[in-house]
Amino acid sequence: SMATMQAVLTEEPALPGGPLAPVLRGLLAKNIVLRLSAETTRLMLRAA
């Protein structure tokens, strides 16, 4: 759990490629201001 929490707080995952990469990048933004909203997520999933 300690290593997991440190990864959540300080590290970025290596995102997989493909059509869902932009959604993952937006939802996993550590800065809450930059994180995708529900409506934008819905539109991006539809586009994917």
ModelCIF file with pLDDT and N, C-alpha, C, O atoms, coordinates in Angstrom:
data_MODEL
#
_entry.id   MODEL 
#
_entity.id                         1 
_entity.type                       polymer 
_entity.pdbx_number_of_molecules   1 
#
_entity_poly.entity_id                      1 
_entity_poly.type                           'polypeptide(L)' 
_entity_poly.nstd_linkage                   no 
_entity_poly.nstd_monomer                   no 
_entity_poly.pdbx_seq_one_letter_code       SMATMQAVLTEEPALPGGPLAPVLRGLLAKNIVLRLSAETTRLMLRAA 
_entity_poly.pdbx_seq_one_letter_code_can   SMATMQAVLTEEPALPGGPLAPVLRGLLAKNIVLRLSAETTRLMLRAA 
_entity_poly.pdbx_strand_id                 A 
#
loop_
_entity_poly_seq.entity_id 
_entity_poly_seq.num 
_entity_poly_seq.mon_id 
_entity_poly_seq.hetero 
1 1  SER n 
1 2  MET n 
1 3  ALA n 
1 4  THR n 
1 5  MET n 
1 6  GLN n 
1 7  ALA n 
1 8  VAL n 
1 9  LEU n 
1 10 THR n 
1 11 GLU n 
1 12 GLU n 
1 13 PRO n 
1 14 ALA n 
1 15 LEU n 
1 16 PRO n 
1 17 GLY n 
1 18 GLY n 
1 19 PRO n 
1 20 LEU n 
1 21 ALA n 
1 22 PRO n 
1 23 VAL n 
1 24 LEU n 
1 25 ARG n 
1 26 GLY n 
1 27 LEU n 
1 28 LEU n 
1 29 ALA n 
1 30 LYS n 
1 31 ASN n 
1 32 ILE n 
1 33 VAL n 
1 34 LEU n 
1 35 ARG n 
1 36 LEU n 
1 37 SER n 
1 38 ALA n 
1 39 GLU n 
1 40 THR n 
1 41 THR n 
1 42 ARG n 
1 43 LEU n 
1 44 MET n 
1 45 LEU n 
1 46 ARG n 
1 47 ALA n 
1 48 ALA n 
#
_struct_asym.id          A 
_struct_asym.entity_id   1 
#
loop_
_ma_qa_metric.id 
_ma_qa_metric.mode 
_ma_qa_metric.name 
_ma_qa_metric.software_group_id 
_ma_qa_metric.type 
1 global pLDDT . pLDDT 
2 local  pLDDT . pLDDT 
#
_ma_qa_metric_global.metric_id      1 
_ma_qa_metric_global.metric_value   94.35 
_ma_qa_metric_global.model_id       1 
_ma_qa_metric_global.ordinal_id     1 
#
loop_
_ma_qa_metric_local.label_asym_id 
_ma_qa_metric_local.label_comp_id 
_ma_qa_metric_local.label_seq_id 
_ma_qa_metric_local.metric_id 
_ma_qa_metric_local.metric_value 
_ma_qa_metric_local.model_id 
_ma_qa_metric_local.ordinal_id 
A SER 1  2 88.00 1 1  
A MET 2  2 90.00 1 2  
A ALA 3  2 91.00 1 3  
A THR 4  2 90.00 1 4  
A MET 5  2 90.00 1 5  
A GLN 6  2 91.00 1 6  
A ALA 7  2 91.00 1 7  
A VAL 8  2 93.00 1 8  
A LEU 9  2 93.00 1 9  
A THR 10 2 93.00 1 10 
A GLU 11 2 91.00 1 11 
A GLU 12 2 91.00 1 12 
A PRO 13 2 90.00 1 13 
A ALA 14 2 89.00 1 14 
A LEU 15 2 91.00 1 15 
A PRO 16 2 90.00 1 16 
A GLY 17 2 87.00 1 17 
A GLY 18 2 90.00 1 18 
A PRO 19 2 92.00 1 19 
A LEU 20 2 95.00 1 20 
A ALA 21 2 95.00 1 21 
A PRO 22 2 96.00 1 22 
A VAL 23 2 97.00 1 23 
A LEU 24 2 97.00 1 24 
A ARG 25 2 96.00 1 25 
A GLY 26 2 98.00 1 26 
A LEU 27 2 98.00 1 27 
A LEU 28 2 97.00 1 28 
A ALA 29 2 97.00 1 29 
A LYS 30 2 96.00 1 30 
A ASN 31 2 95.00 1 31 
A ILE 32 2 96.00 1 32 
A VAL 33 2 96.00 1 33 
A LEU 34 2 97.00 1 34 
A ARG 35 2 98.00 1 35 
A LEU 36 2 98.00 1 36 
A SER 37 2 98.00 1 37 
A ALA 38 2 98.00 1 38 
A GLU 39 2 98.00 1 39 
A THR 40 2 98.00 1 40 
A THR 41 2 98.00 1 41 
A ARG 42 2 98.00 1 42 
A LEU 43 2 98.00 1 43 
A MET 44 2 97.00 1 44 
A LEU 45 2 97.00 1 45 
A ARG 46 2 96.00 1 46 
A ALA 47 2 95.00 1 47 
A ALA 48 2 95.00 1 48 
#
loop_
_atom_site.group_PDB 
_atom_site.id 
_atom_site.type_symbol 
_atom_site.label_atom_id 
_atom_site.label_alt_id 
_atom_site.label_comp_id 
_atom_site.label_asym_id 
_atom_site.label_entity_id 
_atom_site.label_seq_id 
_atom_site.pdbx_PDB_ins_code 
_atom_site.Cartn_x 
_atom_site.Cartn_y 
_atom_site.Cartn_z 
_atom_site.occupancy 
_atom_site.B_iso_or_equiv 
_atom_site.pdbx_formal_charge 
_atom_site.auth_seq_id 
_atom_site.auth_comp_id 
_atom_site.auth_asym_id 
_atom_site.auth_atom_id 
_atom_site.pdbx_PDB_model_num 
ATOM 1   N N  . SER A 1 1  ? 0.816   -1.214 0.000   1.00 88.00 ? 1  SER A N  1 
ATOM 2   C CA . SER A 1 1  ? 0.000   0.000  0.000   1.00 88.00 ? 1  SER A CA 1 
ATOM 3   C C  . SER A 1 1  ? 0.848   1.263  0.000   1.00 88.00 ? 1  SER A C  1 
ATOM 4   O O  . SER A 1 1  ? 0.492   2.246  -0.649  1.00 88.00 ? 1  SER A O  1 
ATOM 5   N N  . MET A 1 2  ? 1.967   1.248  0.719   1.00 90.00 ? 2  MET A N  1 
ATOM 6   C CA . MET A 1 2  ? 2.816   2.433  0.788   1.00 90.00 ? 2  MET A CA 1 
ATOM 7   C C  . MET A 1 2  ? 3.357   2.795  -0.594  1.00 90.00 ? 2  MET A C  1 
ATOM 8   O O  . MET A 1 2  ? 3.309   3.955  -1.003  1.00 90.00 ? 2  MET A O  1 
ATOM 9   N N  . ALA A 1 3  ? 3.878   1.781  -1.317  1.00 91.00 ? 3  ALA A N  1 
ATOM 10  C CA . ALA A 1 3  ? 4.424   2.029  -2.649  1.00 91.00 ? 3  ALA A CA 1 
ATOM 11  C C  . ALA A 1 3  ? 3.319   2.447  -3.615  1.00 91.00 ? 3  ALA A C  1 
ATOM 12  O O  . ALA A 1 3  ? 3.536   3.282  -4.493  1.00 91.00 ? 3  ALA A O  1 
ATOM 13  N N  . THR A 1 4  ? 2.139   1.864  -3.449  1.00 90.00 ? 4  THR A N  1 
ATOM 14  C CA . THR A 1 4  ? 1.014   2.227  -4.301  1.00 90.00 ? 4  THR A CA 1 
ATOM 15  C C  . THR A 1 4  ? 0.624   3.687  -4.107  1.00 90.00 ? 4  THR A C  1 
ATOM 16  O O  . THR A 1 4  ? 0.430   4.415  -5.081  1.00 90.00 ? 4  THR A O  1 
ATOM 17  N N  . MET A 1 5  ? 0.509   4.116  -2.860  1.00 90.00 ? 5  MET A N  1 
ATOM 18  C CA . MET A 1 5  ? 0.135   5.494  -2.588  1.00 90.00 ? 5  MET A CA 1 
ATOM 19  C C  . MET A 1 5  ? 1.193   6.467  -3.096  1.00 90.00 ? 5  MET A C  1 
ATOM 20  O O  . MET A 1 5  ? 0.856   7.550  -3.574  1.00 90.00 ? 5  MET A O  1 
ATOM 21  N N  . GLN A 1 6  ? 2.461   6.097  -3.000  1.00 91.00 ? 6  GLN A N  1 
ATOM 22  C CA . GLN A 1 6  ? 3.512   6.964  -3.507  1.00 91.00 ? 6  GLN A CA 1 
ATOM 23  C C  . GLN A 1 6  ? 3.401   7.097  -5.023  1.00 91.00 ? 6  GLN A C  1 
ATOM 24  O O  . GLN A 1 6  ? 3.597   8.183  -5.570  1.00 91.00 ? 6  GLN A O  1 
ATOM 25  N N  . ALA A 1 7  ? 3.082   5.975  -5.712  1.00 91.00 ? 7  ALA A N  1 
ATOM 26  C CA . ALA A 1 7  ? 2.912   6.028  -7.162  1.00 91.00 ? 7  ALA A CA 1 
ATOM 27  C C  . ALA A 1 7  ? 1.738   6.925  -7.538  1.00 91.00 ? 7  ALA A C  1 
ATOM 28  O O  . ALA A 1 7  ? 1.826   7.700  -8.491  1.00 91.00 ? 7  ALA A O  1 
ATOM 29  N N  . VAL A 1 8  ? 0.636   6.820  -6.788  1.00 93.00 ? 8  VAL A N  1 
ATOM 30  C CA . VAL A 1 8  ? -0.538  7.660  -7.054  1.00 93.00 ? 8  VAL A CA 1 
ATOM 31  C C  . VAL A 1 8  ? -0.171  9.135  -6.926  1.00 93.00 ? 8  VAL A C  1 
ATOM 32  O O  . VAL A 1 8  ? -0.609  9.958  -7.729  1.00 93.00 ? 8  VAL A O  1 
ATOM 33  N N  . LEU A 1 9  ? 0.620   9.462  -5.932  1.00 93.00 ? 9  LEU A N  1 
ATOM 34  C CA . LEU A 1 9  ? 0.927   10.860 -5.642  1.00 93.00 ? 9  LEU A CA 1 
ATOM 35  C C  . LEU A 1 9  ? 2.007   11.455 -6.533  1.00 93.00 ? 9  LEU A C  1 
ATOM 36  O O  . LEU A 1 9  ? 1.993   12.659 -6.789  1.00 93.00 ? 9  LEU A O  1 
ATOM 37  N N  . THR A 1 10 ? 2.941   10.642 -7.009  1.00 93.00 ? 10 THR A N  1 
ATOM 38  C CA . THR A 1 10 ? 4.133   11.229 -7.638  1.00 93.00 ? 10 THR A CA 1 
ATOM 39  C C  . THR A 1 10 ? 4.451   10.741 -9.035  1.00 93.00 ? 10 THR A C  1 
ATOM 40  O O  . THR A 1 10 ? 5.265   11.363 -9.716  1.00 93.00 ? 10 THR A O  1 
ATOM 41  N N  . GLU A 1 11 ? 3.845   9.655  -9.495  1.00 91.00 ? 11 GLU A N  1 
ATOM 42  C CA . GLU A 1 11 ? 4.288   9.069  -10.756 1.00 91.00 ? 11 GLU A CA 1 
ATOM 43  C C  . GLU A 1 11 ? 3.160   9.009  -11.784 1.00 91.00 ? 11 GLU A C  1 
ATOM 44  O O  . GLU A 1 11 ? 1.975   8.969  -11.453 1.00 91.00 ? 11 GLU A O  1 
ATOM 45  N N  . GLU A 1 12 ? 3.587   9.005  -13.049 1.00 91.00 ? 12 GLU A N  1 
ATOM 46  C CA . GLU A 1 12 ? 2.649   8.919  -14.158 1.00 91.00 ? 12 GLU A CA 1 
ATOM 47  C C  . GLU A 1 12 ? 2.778   7.545  -14.817 1.00 91.00 ? 12 GLU A C  1 
ATOM 48  O O  . GLU A 1 12 ? 3.893   7.091  -15.071 1.00 91.00 ? 12 GLU A O  1 
ATOM 49  N N  . PRO A 1 13 ? 1.665   6.883  -15.095 1.00 90.00 ? 13 PRO A N  1 
ATOM 50  C CA . PRO A 1 13 ? 1.759   5.586  -15.758 1.00 90.00 ? 13 PRO A CA 1 
ATOM 51  C C  . PRO A 1 13 ? 2.138   5.739  -17.225 1.00 90.00 ? 13 PRO A C  1 
ATOM 52  O O  . PRO A 1 13 ? 1.817   6.748  -17.853 1.00 90.00 ? 13 PRO A O  1 
ATOM 53  N N  . ALA A 1 14 ? 2.818   4.738  -17.767 1.00 89.00 ? 14 ALA A N  1 
ATOM 54  C CA . ALA A 1 14 ? 3.102   4.709  -19.199 1.00 89.00 ? 14 ALA A CA 1 
ATOM 55  C C  . ALA A 1 14 ? 1.810   4.309  -19.903 1.00 89.00 ? 14 ALA A C  1 
ATOM 56  O O  . ALA A 1 14 ? 1.415   3.144  -19.871 1.00 89.00 ? 14 ALA A O  1 
ATOM 57  N N  . LEU A 1 15 ? 1.161   5.266  -20.531 1.00 91.00 ? 15 LEU A N  1 
ATOM 58  C CA . LEU A 1 15 ? -0.160  5.020  -21.116 1.00 91.00 ? 15 LEU A CA 1 
ATOM 59  C C  . LEU A 1 15 ? -0.062  4.083  -22.310 1.00 91.00 ? 15 LEU A C  1 
ATOM 60  O O  . LEU A 1 15 ? 0.855   4.211  -23.121 1.00 91.00 ? 15 LEU A O  1 
ATOM 61  N N  . PRO A 1 16 ? -0.994  3.144  -22.431 1.00 90.00 ? 16 PRO A N  1 
ATOM 62  C CA . PRO A 1 16 ? -1.034  2.319  -23.629 1.00 90.00 ? 16 PRO A CA 1 
ATOM 63  C C  . PRO A 1 16 ? -1.463  3.151  -24.829 1.00 90.00 ? 16 PRO A C  1 
ATOM 64  O O  . PRO A 1 16 ? -2.095  4.195  -24.670 1.00 90.00 ? 16 PRO A O  1 
ATOM 65  N N  . GLY A 1 17 ? -1.125  2.697  -26.015 1.00 87.00 ? 17 GLY A N  1 
ATOM 66  C CA . GLY A 1 17 ? -1.548  3.406  -27.211 1.00 87.00 ? 17 GLY A CA 1 
ATOM 67  C C  . GLY A 1 17 ? -2.991  3.095  -27.559 1.00 87.00 ? 17 GLY A C  1 
ATOM 68  O O  . GLY A 1 17 ? -3.709  2.468  -26.779 1.00 87.00 ? 17 GLY A O  1 
ATOM 69  N N  . GLY A 1 18 ? -3.408  3.536  -28.731 1.00 90.00 ? 18 GLY A N  1 
ATOM 70  C CA . GLY A 1 18 ? -4.749  3.229  -29.189 1.00 90.00 ? 18 GLY A CA 1 
ATOM 71  C C  . GLY A 1 18 ? -5.757  4.313  -28.910 1.00 90.00 ? 18 GLY A C  1 
ATOM 72  O O  . GLY A 1 18 ? -5.399  5.369  -28.388 1.00 90.00 ? 18 GLY A O  1 
ATOM 73  N N  . PRO A 1 19 ? -7.019  4.078  -29.246 1.00 92.00 ? 19 PRO A N  1 
ATOM 74  C CA . PRO A 1 19 ? -8.047  5.122  -29.203 1.00 92.00 ? 19 PRO A CA 1 
ATOM 75  C C  . PRO A 1 19 ? -8.429  5.604  -27.812 1.00 92.00 ? 19 PRO A C  1 
ATOM 76  O O  . PRO A 1 19 ? -9.021  6.674  -27.675 1.00 92.00 ? 19 PRO A O  1 
ATOM 77  N N  . LEU A 1 20 ? -8.100  4.828  -26.768 1.00 95.00 ? 20 LEU A N  1 
ATOM 78  C CA . LEU A 1 20 ? -8.466  5.249  -25.420 1.00 95.00 ? 20 LEU A CA 1 
ATOM 79  C C  . LEU A 1 20 ? -7.371  6.043  -24.716 1.00 95.00 ? 20 LEU A C  1 
ATOM 80  O O  . LEU A 1 20 ? -7.578  6.521  -23.601 1.00 95.00 ? 20 LEU A O  1 
ATOM 81  N N  . ALA A 1 21 ? -6.223  6.188  -25.343 1.00 95.00 ? 21 ALA A N  1 
ATOM 82  C CA . ALA A 1 21 ? -5.118  6.910  -24.709 1.00 95.00 ? 21 ALA A CA 1 
ATOM 83  C C  . ALA A 1 21 ? -5.501  8.344  -24.311 1.00 95.00 ? 21 ALA A C  1 
ATOM 84  O O  . ALA A 1 21 ? -5.173  8.759  -23.199 1.00 95.00 ? 21 ALA A O  1 
ATOM 85  N N  . PRO A 1 22 ? -6.184  9.120  -25.177 1.00 96.00 ? 22 PRO A N  1 
ATOM 86  C CA . PRO A 1 22 ? -6.547  10.494 -24.769 1.00 96.00 ? 22 PRO A CA 1 
ATOM 87  C C  . PRO A 1 22 ? -7.496  10.531 -23.573 1.00 96.00 ? 22 PRO A C  1 
ATOM 88  O O  . PRO A 1 22 ? -7.391  11.416 -22.725 1.00 96.00 ? 22 PRO A O  1 
ATOM 89  N N  . VAL A 1 23 ? -8.419  9.576  -23.502 1.00 97.00 ? 23 VAL A N  1 
ATOM 90  C CA . VAL A 1 23 ? -9.344  9.524  -22.365 1.00 97.00 ? 23 VAL A CA 1 
ATOM 91  C C  . VAL A 1 23 ? -8.578  9.237  -21.086 1.00 97.00 ? 23 VAL A C  1 
ATOM 92  O O  . VAL A 1 23 ? -8.808  9.871  -20.057 1.00 97.00 ? 23 VAL A O  1 
ATOM 93  N N  . LEU A 1 24 ? -7.661  8.275  -21.158 1.00 97.00 ? 24 LEU A N  1 
ATOM 94  C CA . LEU A 1 24 ? -6.876  7.925  -19.982 1.00 97.00 ? 24 LEU A CA 1 
ATOM 95  C C  . LEU A 1 24 ? -6.016  9.101  -19.531 1.00 97.00 ? 24 LEU A C  1 
ATOM 96  O O  . LEU A 1 24 ? -5.911  9.377  -18.336 1.00 97.00 ? 24 LEU A O  1 
ATOM 97  N N  . ARG A 1 25 ? -5.409  9.782  -20.477 1.00 96.00 ? 25 ARG A N  1 
ATOM 98  C CA . ARG A 1 25 ? -4.564  10.926 -20.128 1.00 96.00 ? 25 ARG A CA 1 
ATOM 99  C C  . ARG A 1 25 ? -5.386  12.008 -19.411 1.00 96.00 ? 25 ARG A C  1 
ATOM 100 O O  . ARG A 1 25 ? -4.913  12.622 -18.454 1.00 96.00 ? 25 ARG A O  1 
ATOM 101 N N  . GLY A 1 26 ? -6.603  12.233 -19.877 1.00 98.00 ? 26 GLY A N  1 
ATOM 102 C CA . GLY A 1 26 ? -7.437  13.269 -19.269 1.00 98.00 ? 26 GLY A CA 1 
ATOM 103 C C  . GLY A 1 26 ? -8.013  12.876 -17.923 1.00 98.00 ? 26 GLY A C  1 
ATOM 104 O O  . GLY A 1 26 ? -8.079  13.703 -17.014 1.00 98.00 ? 26 GLY A O  1 
ATOM 105 N N  . LEU A 1 27 ? -8.434  11.614 -17.778 1.00 98.00 ? 27 LEU A N  1 
ATOM 106 C CA . LEU A 1 27 ? -9.012  11.182 -16.511 1.00 98.00 ? 27 LEU A CA 1 
ATOM 107 C C  . LEU A 1 27 ? -7.960  11.030 -15.421 1.00 98.00 ? 27 LEU A C  1 
ATOM 108 O O  . LEU A 1 27 ? -8.258  11.208 -14.240 1.00 98.00 ? 27 LEU A O  1 
ATOM 109 N N  . LEU A 1 28 ? -6.719  10.699 -15.817 1.00 97.00 ? 28 LEU A N  1 
ATOM 110 C CA . LEU A 1 28 ? -5.657  10.469 -14.836 1.00 97.00 ? 28 LEU A CA 1 
ATOM 111 C C  . LEU A 1 28 ? -4.787  11.707 -14.630 1.00 97.00 ? 28 LEU A C  1 
ATOM 112 O O  . LEU A 1 28 ? -3.641  11.599 -14.194 1.00 97.00 ? 28 LEU A O  1 
ATOM 113 N N  . ALA A 1 29 ? -5.330  12.874 -14.942 1.00 97.00 ? 29 ALA A N  1 
ATOM 114 C CA . ALA A 1 29 ? -4.618  14.120 -14.639 1.00 97.00 ? 29 ALA A CA 1 
ATOM 115 C C  . ALA A 1 29 ? -4.601  14.323 -13.125 1.00 97.00 ? 29 ALA A C  1 
ATOM 116 O O  . ALA A 1 29 ? -5.658  14.369 -12.495 1.00 97.00 ? 29 ALA A O  1 
ATOM 117 N N  . LYS A 1 30 ? -3.425  14.444 -12.546 1.00 96.00 ? 30 LYS A N  1 
ATOM 118 C CA . LYS A 1 30 ? -3.331  14.603 -11.096 1.00 96.00 ? 30 LYS A CA 1 
ATOM 119 C C  . LYS A 1 30 ? -3.902  15.940 -10.642 1.00 96.00 ? 30 LYS A C  1 
ATOM 120 O O  . LYS A 1 30 ? -4.453  16.048 -9.546  1.00 96.00 ? 30 LYS A O  1 
ATOM 121 N N  . ASN A 1 31 ? -3.770  16.947 -11.481 1.00 95.00 ? 31 ASN A N  1 
ATOM 122 C CA . ASN A 1 31 ? -4.356  18.251 -11.182 1.00 95.00 ? 31 ASN A CA 1 
ATOM 123 C C  . ASN A 1 31 ? -5.856  18.173 -11.454 1.00 95.00 ? 31 ASN A C  1 
ATOM 124 O O  . ASN A 1 31 ? -6.281  17.984 -12.594 1.00 95.00 ? 31 ASN A O  1 
ATOM 125 N N  . ILE A 1 32 ? -6.650  18.320 -10.398 1.00 96.00 ? 32 ILE A N  1 
ATOM 126 C CA . ILE A 1 32 ? -8.096  18.144 -10.536 1.00 96.00 ? 32 ILE A CA 1 
ATOM 127 C C  . ILE A 1 32 ? -8.703  19.152 -11.507 1.00 96.00 ? 32 ILE A C  1 
ATOM 128 O O  . ILE A 1 32 ? -9.730  18.871 -12.125 1.00 96.00 ? 32 ILE A O  1 
ATOM 129 N N  . VAL A 1 33 ? -8.075  20.330 -11.650 1.00 96.00 ? 33 VAL A N  1 
ATOM 130 C CA . VAL A 1 33 ? -8.578  21.346 -12.575 1.00 96.00 ? 33 VAL A CA 1 
ATOM 131 C C  . VAL A 1 33 ? -8.441  20.885 -14.019 1.00 96.00 ? 33 VAL A C  1 
ATOM 132 O O  . VAL A 1 33 ? -9.246  21.259 -14.872 1.00 96.00 ? 33 VAL A O  1 
ATOM 133 N N  . LEU A 1 34 ? -7.428  20.076 -14.293 1.00 97.00 ? 34 LEU A N  1 
ATOM 134 C CA . LEU A 1 34 ? -7.175  19.606 -15.651 1.00 97.00 ? 34 LEU A CA 1 
ATOM 135 C C  . LEU A 1 34 ? -7.869  18.291 -15.967 1.00 97.00 ? 34 LEU A C  1 
ATOM 136 O O  . LEU A 1 34 ? -7.861  17.859 -17.120 1.00 97.00 ? 34 LEU A O  1 
ATOM 137 N N  . ARG A 1 35 ? -8.459  17.654 -14.988 1.00 98.00 ? 35 ARG A N  1 
ATOM 138 C CA . ARG A 1 35 ? -9.098  16.351 -15.202 1.00 98.00 ? 35 ARG A CA 1 
ATOM 139 C C  . ARG A 1 35 ? -10.369 16.499 -16.030 1.00 98.00 ? 35 ARG A C  1 
ATOM 140 O O  . ARG A 1 35 ? -11.075 17.503 -15.933 1.00 98.00 ? 35 ARG A O  1 
ATOM 141 N N  . LEU A 1 36 ? -10.647 15.496 -16.836 1.00 98.00 ? 36 LEU A N  1 
ATOM 142 C CA . LEU A 1 36 ? -11.835 15.531 -17.686 1.00 98.00 ? 36 LEU A CA 1 
ATOM 143 C C  . LEU A 1 36 ? -13.111 15.589 -16.860 1.00 98.00 ? 36 LEU A C  1 
ATOM 144 O O  . LEU A 1 36 ? -13.203 14.972 -15.798 1.00 98.00 ? 36 LEU A O  1 
ATOM 145 N N  . SER A 1 37 ? -14.083 16.326 -17.349 1.00 98.00 ? 37 SER A N  1 
ATOM 146 C CA . SER A 1 37 ? -15.421 16.308 -16.759 1.00 98.00 ? 37 SER A CA 1 
ATOM 147 C C  . SER A 1 37 ? -16.162 15.077 -17.266 1.00 98.00 ? 37 SER A C  1 
ATOM 148 O O  . SER A 1 37 ? -15.716 14.404 -18.195 1.00 98.00 ? 37 SER A O  1 
ATOM 149 N N  . ALA A 1 38 ? -17.295 14.797 -16.643 1.00 98.00 ? 38 ALA A N  1 
ATOM 150 C CA . ALA A 1 38 ? -18.092 13.652 -17.072 1.00 98.00 ? 38 ALA A CA 1 
ATOM 151 C C  . ALA A 1 38 ? -18.577 13.832 -18.514 1.00 98.00 ? 38 ALA A C  1 
ATOM 152 O O  . ALA A 1 38 ? -18.556 12.883 -19.298 1.00 98.00 ? 38 ALA A O  1 
ATOM 153 N N  . GLU A 1 39 ? -19.010 15.039 -18.860 1.00 98.00 ? 39 GLU A N  1 
ATOM 154 C CA . GLU A 1 39 ? -19.533 15.273 -20.206 1.00 98.00 ? 39 GLU A CA 1 
ATOM 155 C C  . GLU A 1 39 ? -18.436 15.138 -21.247 1.00 98.00 ? 39 GLU A C  1 
ATOM 156 O O  . GLU A 1 39 ? -18.661 14.536 -22.297 1.00 98.00 ? 39 GLU A O  1 
ATOM 157 N N  . THR A 1 40 ? -17.247 15.685 -20.983 1.00 98.00 ? 40 THR A N  1 
ATOM 158 C CA . THR A 1 40 ? -16.151 15.544 -21.934 1.00 98.00 ? 40 THR A CA 1 
ATOM 159 C C  . THR A 1 40 ? -15.730 14.089 -22.060 1.00 98.00 ? 40 THR A C  1 
ATOM 160 O O  . THR A 1 40 ? -15.412 13.626 -23.155 1.00 98.00 ? 40 THR A O  1 
ATOM 161 N N  . THR A 1 41 ? -15.727 13.365 -20.942 1.00 98.00 ? 41 THR A N  1 
ATOM 162 C CA . THR A 1 41 ? -15.417 11.933 -20.983 1.00 98.00 ? 41 THR A CA 1 
ATOM 163 C C  . THR A 1 41 ? -16.405 11.193 -21.855 1.00 98.00 ? 41 THR A C  1 
ATOM 164 O O  . THR A 1 41 ? -16.024 10.333 -22.648 1.00 98.00 ? 41 THR A O  1 
ATOM 165 N N  . ARG A 1 42 ? -17.678 11.528 -21.707 1.00 98.00 ? 42 ARG A N  1 
ATOM 166 C CA . ARG A 1 42 ? -18.719 10.877 -22.518 1.00 98.00 ? 42 ARG A CA 1 
ATOM 167 C C  . ARG A 1 42 ? -18.477 11.119 -24.005 1.00 98.00 ? 42 ARG A C  1 
ATOM 168 O O  . ARG A 1 42 ? -18.583 10.194 -24.812 1.00 98.00 ? 42 ARG A O  1 
ATOM 169 N N  . LEU A 1 43 ? -18.152 12.360 -24.369 1.00 98.00 ? 43 LEU A N  1 
ATOM 170 C CA . LEU A 1 43 ? -17.913 12.681 -25.779 1.00 98.00 ? 43 LEU A CA 1 
ATOM 171 C C  . LEU A 1 43 ? -16.665 11.978 -26.312 1.00 98.00 ? 43 LEU A C  1 
ATOM 172 O O  . LEU A 1 43 ? -16.656 11.508 -27.450 1.00 98.00 ? 43 LEU A O  1 
ATOM 173 N N  . MET A 1 44 ? -15.617 11.905 -25.498 1.00 97.00 ? 44 MET A N  1 
ATOM 174 C CA . MET A 1 44 ? -14.386 11.265 -25.944 1.00 97.00 ? 44 MET A CA 1 
ATOM 175 C C  . MET A 1 44 ? -14.547 9.754  -26.068 1.00 97.00 ? 44 MET A C  1 
ATOM 176 O O  . MET A 1 44 ? -13.963 9.142  -26.962 1.00 97.00 ? 44 MET A O  1 
ATOM 177 N N  . LEU A 1 45 ? -15.332 9.147  -25.182 1.00 97.00 ? 45 LEU A N  1 
ATOM 178 C CA . LEU A 1 45 ? -15.607 7.715  -25.300 1.00 97.00 ? 45 LEU A CA 1 
ATOM 179 C C  . LEU A 1 45 ? -16.409 7.427  -26.561 1.00 97.00 ? 45 LEU A C  1 
ATOM 180 O O  . LEU A 1 45 ? -16.185 6.424  -27.238 1.00 97.00 ? 45 LEU A O  1 
ATOM 181 N N  . ARG A 1 46 ? -17.350 8.322  -26.869 1.00 96.00 ? 46 ARG A N  1 
ATOM 182 C CA . ARG A 1 46 ? -18.133 8.158  -28.088 1.00 96.00 ? 46 ARG A CA 1 
ATOM 183 C C  . ARG A 1 46 ? -17.243 8.267  -29.322 1.00 96.00 ? 46 ARG A C  1 
ATOM 184 O O  . ARG A 1 46 ? -17.402 7.511  -30.280 1.00 96.00 ? 46 ARG A O  1 
ATOM 185 N N  . ALA A 1 47 ? -16.307 9.211  -29.290 1.00 95.00 ? 47 ALA A N  1 
ATOM 186 C CA . ALA A 1 47 ? -15.385 9.366  -30.416 1.00 95.00 ? 47 ALA A CA 1 
ATOM 187 C C  . ALA A 1 47 ? -14.471 8.149  -30.547 1.00 95.00 ? 47 ALA A C  1 
ATOM 188 O O  . ALA A 1 47 ? -14.180 7.698  -31.655 1.00 95.00 ? 47 ALA A O  1 
ATOM 189 N N  . ALA A 1 48 ? -14.018 7.617  -29.397 1.00 95.00 ? 48 ALA A N  1 
ATOM 190 C CA . ALA A 1 48 ? -13.163 6.427  -29.433 1.00 95.00 ? 48 ALA A CA 1 
ATOM 191 C C  . ALA A 1 48 ? -13.909 5.232  -30.005 1.00 95.00 ? 48 ALA A C  1 
ATOM 192 O O  . ALA A 1 48 ? -13.343 4.144  -30.110 1.00 95.00 ? 48 ALA A O  1 
#
